[in-house]
Amino acid sequence: MLYDFHTHTTLSDGTSSPAELIRFAIAQGYDAVALTDHSGPGEMERIISEVRQACVLAQERWNFAALPGIELTHVPASAISELAAEARQLGAVIIVVHGETLAEPVEPGTNLAAIACPHVDVLAHPGNLTEEEARLAAETGVFIEITARPLHCLGNGQVAAMARSHGAKMIVNSDTHEPGDLLTEQLAYNVARGAGLDAEMIKQVLEVNPQQLLARAQLRMKKGMR
């Protein structure tokens, strides 16, 4: 089983078109992939519209679970709630927020704002996840990302320990920017194991939790969200 809810295409800083990345994911053996290009308020409508068209076509013609999404990136923490609500209305069935990674100067408070927002699905590479953030994520159901992305992955061990300690759900994502970044089952396992997770938690993180998020997203697709 192979799931990924954080990838990028040429609509932001990736190297593959939406349809191309979906095709690579299928060839890689994926069960589902979300296209979640970087966005702020100005380009969000265009990006979601374009990825949604590619995802709908892939679902219809390839019977593949391609999910239109967005990654809110370096936006003011105070704007996350309104931007996520807008993204949902525009048709994003997966909403990721670019968390407080150790590798970039993300505004402090971004993690907490994302976790508190009912429209956010995934907090990506959250860096030094705090106890308060982990506890709140357990309550709100926002998934905490364990990332395969170089540099962003520097916080994986601390993130996994904090999330596990407070019962927050985790998933492994690639943060793909080119086809070579896509996960394999072995790579996904290695990322989870390298974050310090045991066999039981690895199964939870790689199979159970992604299936829950996929079911949530597919329900939104069936409802025909715009």
C-alpha atoms as a PDB file:
ATOM      1  CA  MET A   1       0.000   0.000   0.000  1.00  0.00           C
ATOM      2  CA  LEU A   2       1.353   3.397  -0.977  1.00  0.00           C
ATOM      3  CA  TYR A   3      -0.255   6.759  -0.308  1.00  0.00           C
ATOM      4  CA  ASP A   4       0.997  10.321  -0.639  1.00  0.00           C
ATOM      5  CA  PHE A   5      -0.895  13.488   0.261  1.00  0.00           C
ATOM      6  CA  HIS A   6       1.800  16.084  -0.432  1.00  0.00           C
ATOM      7  CA  THR A   7       3.204  16.582  -3.952  1.00  0.00           C
ATOM      8  CA  HIS A   8       4.003  19.454  -6.319  1.00  0.00           C
ATOM      9  CA  THR A   9       3.671  19.982 -10.068  1.00  0.00           C
ATOM     10  CA  THR A  10       4.614  22.665 -12.595  1.00  0.00           C
ATOM     11  CA  LEU A  11       1.726  24.718 -11.202  1.00  0.00           C
ATOM     12  CA  SER A  12       4.151  25.720  -8.438  1.00  0.00           C
ATOM     13  CA  ASP A  13       7.765  24.493  -8.162  1.00  0.00           C
ATOM     14  CA  GLY A  14       7.526  20.912  -9.424  1.00  0.00           C
ATOM     15  CA  THR A  15       8.882  19.552 -12.708  1.00  0.00           C
ATOM     16  CA  SER A  16       5.889  17.474 -13.892  1.00  0.00           C
ATOM     17  CA  SER A  17       2.488  18.546 -15.106  1.00  0.00           C
ATOM     18  CA  PRO A  18      -0.472  17.360 -12.998  1.00  0.00           C
ATOM     19  CA  ALA A  19      -1.376  14.561 -15.419  1.00  0.00           C
ATOM     20  CA  GLU A  20       2.271  13.541 -15.762  1.00  0.00           C
ATOM     21  CA  LEU A  21       2.800  13.307 -12.011  1.00  0.00           C
ATOM     22  CA  ILE A  22      -0.353  11.223 -11.631  1.00  0.00           C
ATOM     23  CA  ARG A  23       0.910   8.848 -14.309  1.00  0.00           C
ATOM     24  CA  PHE A  24       4.290   8.521 -12.606  1.00  0.00           C
ATOM     25  CA  ALA A  25       2.516   7.768  -9.317  1.00  0.00           C
ATOM     26  CA  ILE A  26       0.482   5.019 -10.963  1.00  0.00           C
ATOM     27  CA  ALA A  27       3.630   3.499 -12.465  1.00  0.00           C
ATOM     28  CA  GLN A  28       5.306   3.685  -9.038  1.00  0.00           C
ATOM     29  CA  GLY A  29       2.546   1.529  -7.566  1.00  0.00           C
ATOM     30  CA  TYR A  30       0.675   4.201  -5.647  1.00  0.00           C
ATOM     31  CA  ASP A  31      -2.833   3.587  -4.350  1.00  0.00           C
ATOM     32  CA  ALA A  32      -3.599   7.318  -4.081  1.00  0.00           C
ATOM     33  CA  VAL A  33      -1.873  10.650  -4.574  1.00  0.00           C
ATOM     34  CA  ALA A  34      -2.883  14.229  -3.792  1.00  0.00           C
ATOM     35  CA  LEU A  35      -1.618  17.147  -5.868  1.00  0.00           C
ATOM     36  CA  THR A  36      -0.953  19.966  -3.404  1.00  0.00           C
ATOM     37  CA  ASP A  37       0.920  22.787  -5.078  1.00  0.00           C
ATOM     38  CA  HIS A  38       2.245  25.728  -3.085  1.00  0.00           C
ATOM     39  CA  SER A  39      -0.162  28.645  -2.970  1.00  0.00           C
ATOM     40  CA  GLY A  40      -1.148  31.894  -1.371  1.00  0.00           C
ATOM     41  CA  PRO A  41      -4.390  33.767  -1.994  1.00  0.00           C
ATOM     42  CA  GLY A  42      -3.663  35.080  -5.506  1.00  0.00           C
ATOM     43  CA  GLU A  43      -3.118  31.839  -7.434  1.00  0.00           C
ATOM     44  CA  MET A  44      -5.235  29.450  -5.395  1.00  0.00           C
ATOM     45  CA  GLU A  45      -8.325  29.437  -7.619  1.00  0.00           C
ATOM     46  CA  ARG A  46      -6.313  28.765 -10.785  1.00  0.00           C
ATOM     47  CA  ILE A  47      -4.222  25.986  -9.233  1.00  0.00           C
ATOM     48  CA  ILE A  48      -7.155  24.128  -7.696  1.00  0.00           C
ATOM     49  CA  SER A  49      -9.150  24.362 -10.929  1.00  0.00           C
ATOM     50  CA  GLU A  50      -6.308  22.934 -12.999  1.00  0.00           C
ATOM     51  CA  VAL A  51      -5.365  20.082 -10.656  1.00  0.00           C
ATOM     52  CA  ARG A  52      -9.016  19.217 -10.196  1.00  0.00           C
ATOM     53  CA  GLN A  53      -9.466  18.732 -13.943  1.00  0.00           C
ATOM     54  CA  ALA A  54      -6.460  16.401 -14.088  1.00  0.00           C
ATOM     55  CA  CYS A  55      -7.598  14.451 -11.042  1.00  0.00           C
ATOM     56  CA  VAL A  56     -11.161  13.987 -12.264  1.00  0.00           C
ATOM     57  CA  LEU A  57      -9.876  12.742 -15.630  1.00  0.00           C
ATOM     58  CA  ALA A  58      -7.512  10.294 -13.921  1.00  0.00           C
ATOM     59  CA  GLN A  59     -10.316   8.973 -11.756  1.00  0.00           C
ATOM     60  CA  GLU A  60     -12.641   8.531 -14.715  1.00  0.00           C
ATOM     61  CA  ARG A  61     -10.208   7.079 -17.274  1.00  0.00           C
ATOM     62  CA  TRP A  62      -7.624   5.322 -15.095  1.00  0.00           C
ATOM     63  CA  ASN A  63      -9.802   4.503 -12.085  1.00  0.00           C
ATOM     64  CA  PHE A  64      -7.088   5.977  -9.901  1.00  0.00           C
ATOM     65  CA  ALA A  65      -7.509   7.921  -6.661  1.00  0.00           C
ATOM     66  CA  ALA A  66      -5.994  11.257  -7.685  1.00  0.00           C
ATOM     67  CA  LEU A  67      -6.989  14.017  -5.270  1.00  0.00           C
ATOM     68  CA  PRO A  68      -7.027  17.766  -5.947  1.00  0.00           C
ATOM     69  CA  GLY A  69      -5.473  19.761  -3.145  1.00  0.00           C
ATOM     70  CA  ILE A  70      -3.387  22.773  -2.182  1.00  0.00           C
ATOM     71  CA  GLU A  71      -0.534  23.601   0.166  1.00  0.00           C
ATOM     72  CA  LEU A  72      -0.908  26.956   1.886  1.00  0.00           C
ATOM     73  CA  THR A  73       2.701  28.109   2.005  1.00  0.00           C
ATOM     74  CA  HIS A  74       4.243  31.014   3.935  1.00  0.00           C
ATOM     75  CA  VAL A  75       0.902  32.742   4.378  1.00  0.00           C
ATOM     76  CA  PRO A  76       0.224  34.762   7.536  1.00  0.00           C
ATOM     77  CA  ALA A  77      -0.777  32.457  10.364  1.00  0.00           C
ATOM     78  CA  SER A  78      -3.773  34.674  11.044  1.00  0.00           C
ATOM     79  CA  ALA A  79      -5.022  34.100   7.465  1.00  0.00           C
ATOM     80  CA  ILE A  80      -4.848  30.297   7.439  1.00  0.00           C
ATOM     81  CA  SER A  81      -8.435  29.737   8.581  1.00  0.00           C
ATOM     82  CA  GLU A  82     -10.004  31.976   5.932  1.00  0.00           C
ATOM     83  CA  LEU A  83      -7.718  30.764   3.140  1.00  0.00           C
ATOM     84  CA  ALA A  84      -8.357  27.107   3.987  1.00  0.00           C
ATOM     85  CA  ALA A  85     -12.119  27.728   3.966  1.00  0.00           C
ATOM     86  CA  GLU A  86     -11.793  29.378   0.556  1.00  0.00           C
ATOM     87  CA  ALA A  87      -9.683  26.496  -0.768  1.00  0.00           C
ATOM     88  CA  ARG A  88     -12.331  24.025   0.329  1.00  0.00           C
ATOM     89  CA  GLN A  89     -15.042  25.986  -1.463  1.00  0.00           C
ATOM     90  CA  LEU A  90     -12.896  26.059  -4.607  1.00  0.00           C
ATOM     91  CA  GLY A  91     -12.692  22.264  -4.619  1.00  0.00           C
ATOM     92  CA  ALA A  92      -9.571  21.251  -2.702  1.00  0.00           C
ATOM     93  CA  VAL A  93     -10.332  17.922  -1.050  1.00  0.00           C
ATOM     94  CA  ILE A  94      -6.911  17.817   0.633  1.00  0.00           C
ATOM     95  CA  ILE A  95      -5.595  20.950   2.319  1.00  0.00           C
ATOM     96  CA  VAL A  96      -2.007  20.956   3.526  1.00  0.00           C
ATOM     97  CA  VAL A  97      -0.336  23.752   5.475  1.00  0.00           C
ATOM     98  CA  HIS A  98       3.406  24.340   5.149  1.00  0.00           C
ATOM     99  CA  GLY A  99       4.476  23.930   8.759  1.00  0.00           C
ATOM    100  CA  GLU A 100       7.269  25.472  10.797  1.00  0.00           C
ATOM    101  CA  THR A 101      10.060  23.422   9.217  1.00  0.00           C
ATOM    102  CA  LEU A 102      13.559  23.855  10.621  1.00  0.00           C
ATOM    103  CA  ALA A 103      14.763  24.645   7.084  1.00  0.00           C
ATOM    104  CA  GLU A 104      12.745  27.814   6.363  1.00  0.00           C
ATOM    105  CA  PRO A 105      11.634  31.005   8.199  1.00  0.00           C
ATOM    106  CA  VAL A 106       7.956  30.080   8.550  1.00  0.00           C
ATOM    107  CA  GLU A 107       5.982  32.497  10.724  1.00  0.00           C
ATOM    108  CA  PRO A 108       5.714  31.291  14.327  1.00  0.00           C
ATOM    109  CA  GLY A 109       2.149  30.335  15.129  1.00  0.00           C
ATOM    110  CA  THR A 110       1.595  28.664  11.748  1.00  0.00           C
ATOM    111  CA  ASN A 111       1.522  25.153  13.231  1.00  0.00           C
ATOM    112  CA  LEU A 112      -1.052  26.063  15.845  1.00  0.00           C
ATOM    113  CA  ALA A 113      -3.249  27.966  13.387  1.00  0.00           C
ATOM    114  CA  ALA A 114      -3.231  25.021  10.983  1.00  0.00           C
ATOM    115  CA  ILE A 115      -4.020  22.436  13.629  1.00  0.00           C
ATOM    116  CA  ALA A 116      -6.881  24.536  14.983  1.00  0.00           C
ATOM    117  CA  CYS A 117      -8.482  25.009  11.546  1.00  0.00           C
ATOM    118  CA  PRO A 118     -11.338  22.581  10.753  1.00  0.00           C
ATOM    119  CA  HIS A 119     -10.562  22.694   7.014  1.00  0.00           C
ATOM    120  CA  VAL A 120      -6.903  21.674   7.259  1.00  0.00           C
ATOM    121  CA  ASP A 121      -6.098  17.989   6.706  1.00  0.00           C
ATOM    122  CA  VAL A 122      -2.307  17.818   7.009  1.00  0.00           C
ATOM    123  CA  LEU A 123       0.326  19.862   8.820  1.00  0.00           C
ATOM    124  CA  ALA A 124       3.455  19.363   6.722  1.00  0.00           C
ATOM    125  CA  HIS A 125       6.970  19.168   8.205  1.00  0.00           C
ATOM    126  CA  PRO A 126       6.107  20.986  11.450  1.00  0.00           C
ATOM    127  CA  GLY A 127       9.677  21.257  12.758  1.00  0.00           C
ATOM    128  CA  ASN A 128       9.761  21.418  16.560  1.00  0.00           C
ATOM    129  CA  LEU A 129       6.240  20.214  17.236  1.00  0.00           C
ATOM    130  CA  THR A 130       5.179  21.315  20.712  1.00  0.00           C
ATOM    131  CA  GLU A 131       3.162  19.455  23.305  1.00  0.00           C
ATOM    132  CA  GLU A 132       0.318  21.940  22.895  1.00  0.00           C
ATOM    133  CA  GLU A 133       0.279  21.418  19.128  1.00  0.00           C
ATOM    134  CA  ALA A 134       0.413  17.627  19.426  1.00  0.00           C
ATOM    135  CA  ARG A 135      -2.408  17.538  21.958  1.00  0.00           C
ATOM    136  CA  LEU A 136      -4.577  19.805  19.821  1.00  0.00           C
ATOM    137  CA  ALA A 137      -3.895  17.731  16.690  1.00  0.00           C
ATOM    138  CA  ALA A 138      -5.098  14.649  18.554  1.00  0.00           C
ATOM    139  CA  GLU A 139      -8.333  16.503  19.301  1.00  0.00           C
ATOM    140  CA  THR A 140      -8.933  18.068  15.882  1.00  0.00           C
ATOM    141  CA  GLY A 141      -7.842  15.127  13.722  1.00  0.00           C
ATOM    142  CA  VAL A 142      -5.292  17.066  11.670  1.00  0.00           C
ATOM    143  CA  PHE A 143      -2.653  14.633  10.406  1.00  0.00           C
ATOM    144  CA  ILE A 144       0.964  15.359  11.320  1.00  0.00           C
ATOM    145  CA  GLU A 145       3.429  14.724   8.525  1.00  0.00           C
ATOM    146  CA  ILE A 146       6.574  12.649   8.732  1.00  0.00           C
ATOM    147  CA  THR A 147       8.377  13.804   5.616  1.00  0.00           C
ATOM    148  CA  ALA A 148      10.798  12.214   3.171  1.00  0.00           C
ATOM    149  CA  ARG A 149      11.926  15.665   1.968  1.00  0.00           C
ATOM    150  CA  PRO A 150      15.597  16.488   2.604  1.00  0.00           C
ATOM    151  CA  LEU A 151      16.161  19.220   5.224  1.00  0.00           C
ATOM    152  CA  HIS A 152      12.474  19.283   6.145  1.00  0.00           C
ATOM    153  CA  CYS A 153      13.039  15.778   7.536  1.00  0.00           C
ATOM    154  CA  LEU A 154      15.459  17.088  10.176  1.00  0.00           C
ATOM    155  CA  GLY A 155      12.614  17.329  12.662  1.00  0.00           C
ATOM    156  CA  ASN A 156      11.081  13.906  12.000  1.00  0.00           C
ATOM    157  CA  GLY A 157      12.338  12.229  15.157  1.00  0.00           C
ATOM    158  CA  GLN A 158      11.089  14.936  17.491  1.00  0.00           C
ATOM    159  CA  VAL A 159       7.816  15.272  15.574  1.00  0.00           C
ATOM    160  CA  ALA A 160       7.122  11.540  15.719  1.00  0.00           C
ATOM    161  CA  ALA A 161       7.951  11.300  19.409  1.00  0.00           C
ATOM    162  CA  MET A 162       5.742  14.244  20.318  1.00  0.00           C
ATOM    163  CA  ALA A 163       2.834  13.125  18.123  1.00  0.00           C
ATOM    164  CA  ARG A 164       2.956   9.583  19.455  1.00  0.00           C
ATOM    165  CA  SER A 165       3.199  10.769  23.055  1.00  0.00           C
ATOM    166  CA  HIS A 166       0.002  12.799  22.739  1.00  0.00           C
ATOM    167  CA  GLY A 167      -1.994  10.574  20.375  1.00  0.00           C
ATOM    168  CA  ALA A 168      -1.821  12.723  17.244  1.00  0.00           C
ATOM    169  CA  LYS A 169      -2.206  10.867  13.950  1.00  0.00           C
ATOM    170  CA  MET A 170       0.793  10.768  11.607  1.00  0.00           C
ATOM    171  CA  ILE A 171       1.287  10.016   7.928  1.00  0.00           C
ATOM    172  CA  VAL A 172       4.376   9.744   5.727  1.00  0.00           C
ATOM    173  CA  ASN A 173       4.482  12.011   2.670  1.00  0.00           C
ATOM    174  CA  SER A 174       7.121  12.590   0.005  1.00  0.00           C
ATOM    175  CA  ASP A 175       6.776  16.349  -0.625  1.00  0.00           C
ATOM    176  CA  THR A 176       7.598  15.379  -4.209  1.00  0.00           C
ATOM    177  CA  HIS A 177       8.917  18.035  -6.595  1.00  0.00           C
ATOM    178  CA  GLU A 178      10.053  15.664  -9.355  1.00  0.00           C
ATOM    179  CA  PRO A 179       9.216  12.047 -10.216  1.00  0.00           C
ATOM    180  CA  GLY A 180      12.367  10.725  -8.571  1.00  0.00           C
ATOM    181  CA  ASP A 181      11.089  12.009  -5.227  1.00  0.00           C
ATOM    182  CA  LEU A 182       8.060   9.724  -5.242  1.00  0.00           C
ATOM    183  CA  LEU A 183       7.859   7.153  -2.490  1.00  0.00           C
ATOM    184  CA  THR A 184       8.396   3.447  -2.775  1.00  0.00           C
ATOM    185  CA  GLU A 185       7.067   1.093  -0.119  1.00  0.00           C
ATOM    186  CA  GLN A 186      10.612   0.583   1.131  1.00  0.00           C
ATOM    187  CA  LEU A 187      11.351   4.315   1.271  1.00  0.00           C
ATOM    188  CA  ALA A 188       8.105   5.035   3.112  1.00  0.00           C
ATOM    189  CA  TYR A 189       8.993   2.307   5.614  1.00  0.00           C
ATOM    190  CA  ASN A 190      12.517   3.660   6.027  1.00  0.00           C
ATOM    191  CA  VAL A 191      11.244   7.191   6.674  1.00  0.00           C
ATOM    192  CA  ALA A 192       8.853   5.944   9.337  1.00  0.00           C
ATOM    193  CA  ARG A 193      11.446   3.671  10.907  1.00  0.00           C
ATOM    194  CA  GLY A 194      14.069   6.398  10.800  1.00  0.00           C
ATOM    195  CA  ALA A 195      11.694   8.665  12.709  1.00  0.00           C
ATOM    196  CA  GLY A 196      11.814   6.149  15.545  1.00  0.00           C
ATOM    197  CA  LEU A 197       8.493   4.363  15.031  1.00  0.00           C
ATOM    198  CA  ASP A 198       8.083   0.685  15.908  1.00  0.00           C
ATOM    199  CA  ALA A 199       6.395  -1.949  13.741  1.00  0.00           C
ATOM    200  CA  GLU A 200       2.929  -1.366  15.166  1.00  0.00           C
ATOM    201  CA  MET A 201       3.095   2.391  14.657  1.00  0.00           C
ATOM    202  CA  ILE A 202       4.590   2.012  11.183  1.00  0.00           C
ATOM    203  CA  LYS A 203       1.555  -0.009  10.110  1.00  0.00           C
ATOM    204  CA  GLN A 204      -0.697   2.678  11.584  1.00  0.00           C
ATOM    205  CA  VAL A 205       1.189   5.487   9.844  1.00  0.00           C
ATOM    206  CA  LEU A 206       1.600   3.818   6.448  1.00  0.00           C
ATOM    207  CA  GLU A 207      -1.732   1.996   6.114  1.00  0.00           C
ATOM    208  CA  VAL A 208      -4.455   2.815   8.627  1.00  0.00           C
ATOM    209  CA  ASN A 209      -4.114   6.584   8.847  1.00  0.00           C
ATOM    210  CA  PRO A 210      -3.725   7.176   5.081  1.00  0.00           C
ATOM    211  CA  GLN A 211      -6.819   5.070   4.403  1.00  0.00           C
ATOM    212  CA  GLN A 212      -8.780   7.243   6.823  1.00  0.00           C
ATOM    213  CA  LEU A 213      -7.625  10.430   5.110  1.00  0.00           C
ATOM    214  CA  LEU A 214      -8.303   8.947   1.675  1.00  0.00           C
ATOM    215  CA  ALA A 215     -11.851   8.007   2.680  1.00  0.00           C
ATOM    216  CA  ARG A 216     -12.419  11.557   3.931  1.00  0.00           C
ATOM    217  CA  ALA A 217     -11.180  13.039   0.657  1.00  0.00           C
ATOM    218  CA  GLN A 218     -13.135  10.636  -1.552  1.00  0.00           C
ATOM    219  CA  LEU A 219     -16.326  11.480   0.301  1.00  0.00           C
ATOM    220  CA  ARG A 220     -15.719  15.137  -0.497  1.00  0.00           C
ATOM    221  CA  MET A 221     -15.160  14.255  -4.153  1.00  0.00           C
ATOM    222  CA  LYS A 222     -18.411  12.295  -4.292  1.00  0.00           C
ATOM    223  CA  LYS A 223     -20.293  15.237  -2.857  1.00  0.00           C
ATOM    224  CA  GLY A 224     -19.065  17.219  -5.843  1.00  0.00           C
ATOM    225  CA  MET A 225     -17.410  19.971  -3.843  1.00  0.00           C
ATOM    226  CA  ARG A 226     -16.474  23.063  -5.790  1.00  0.00           C
END
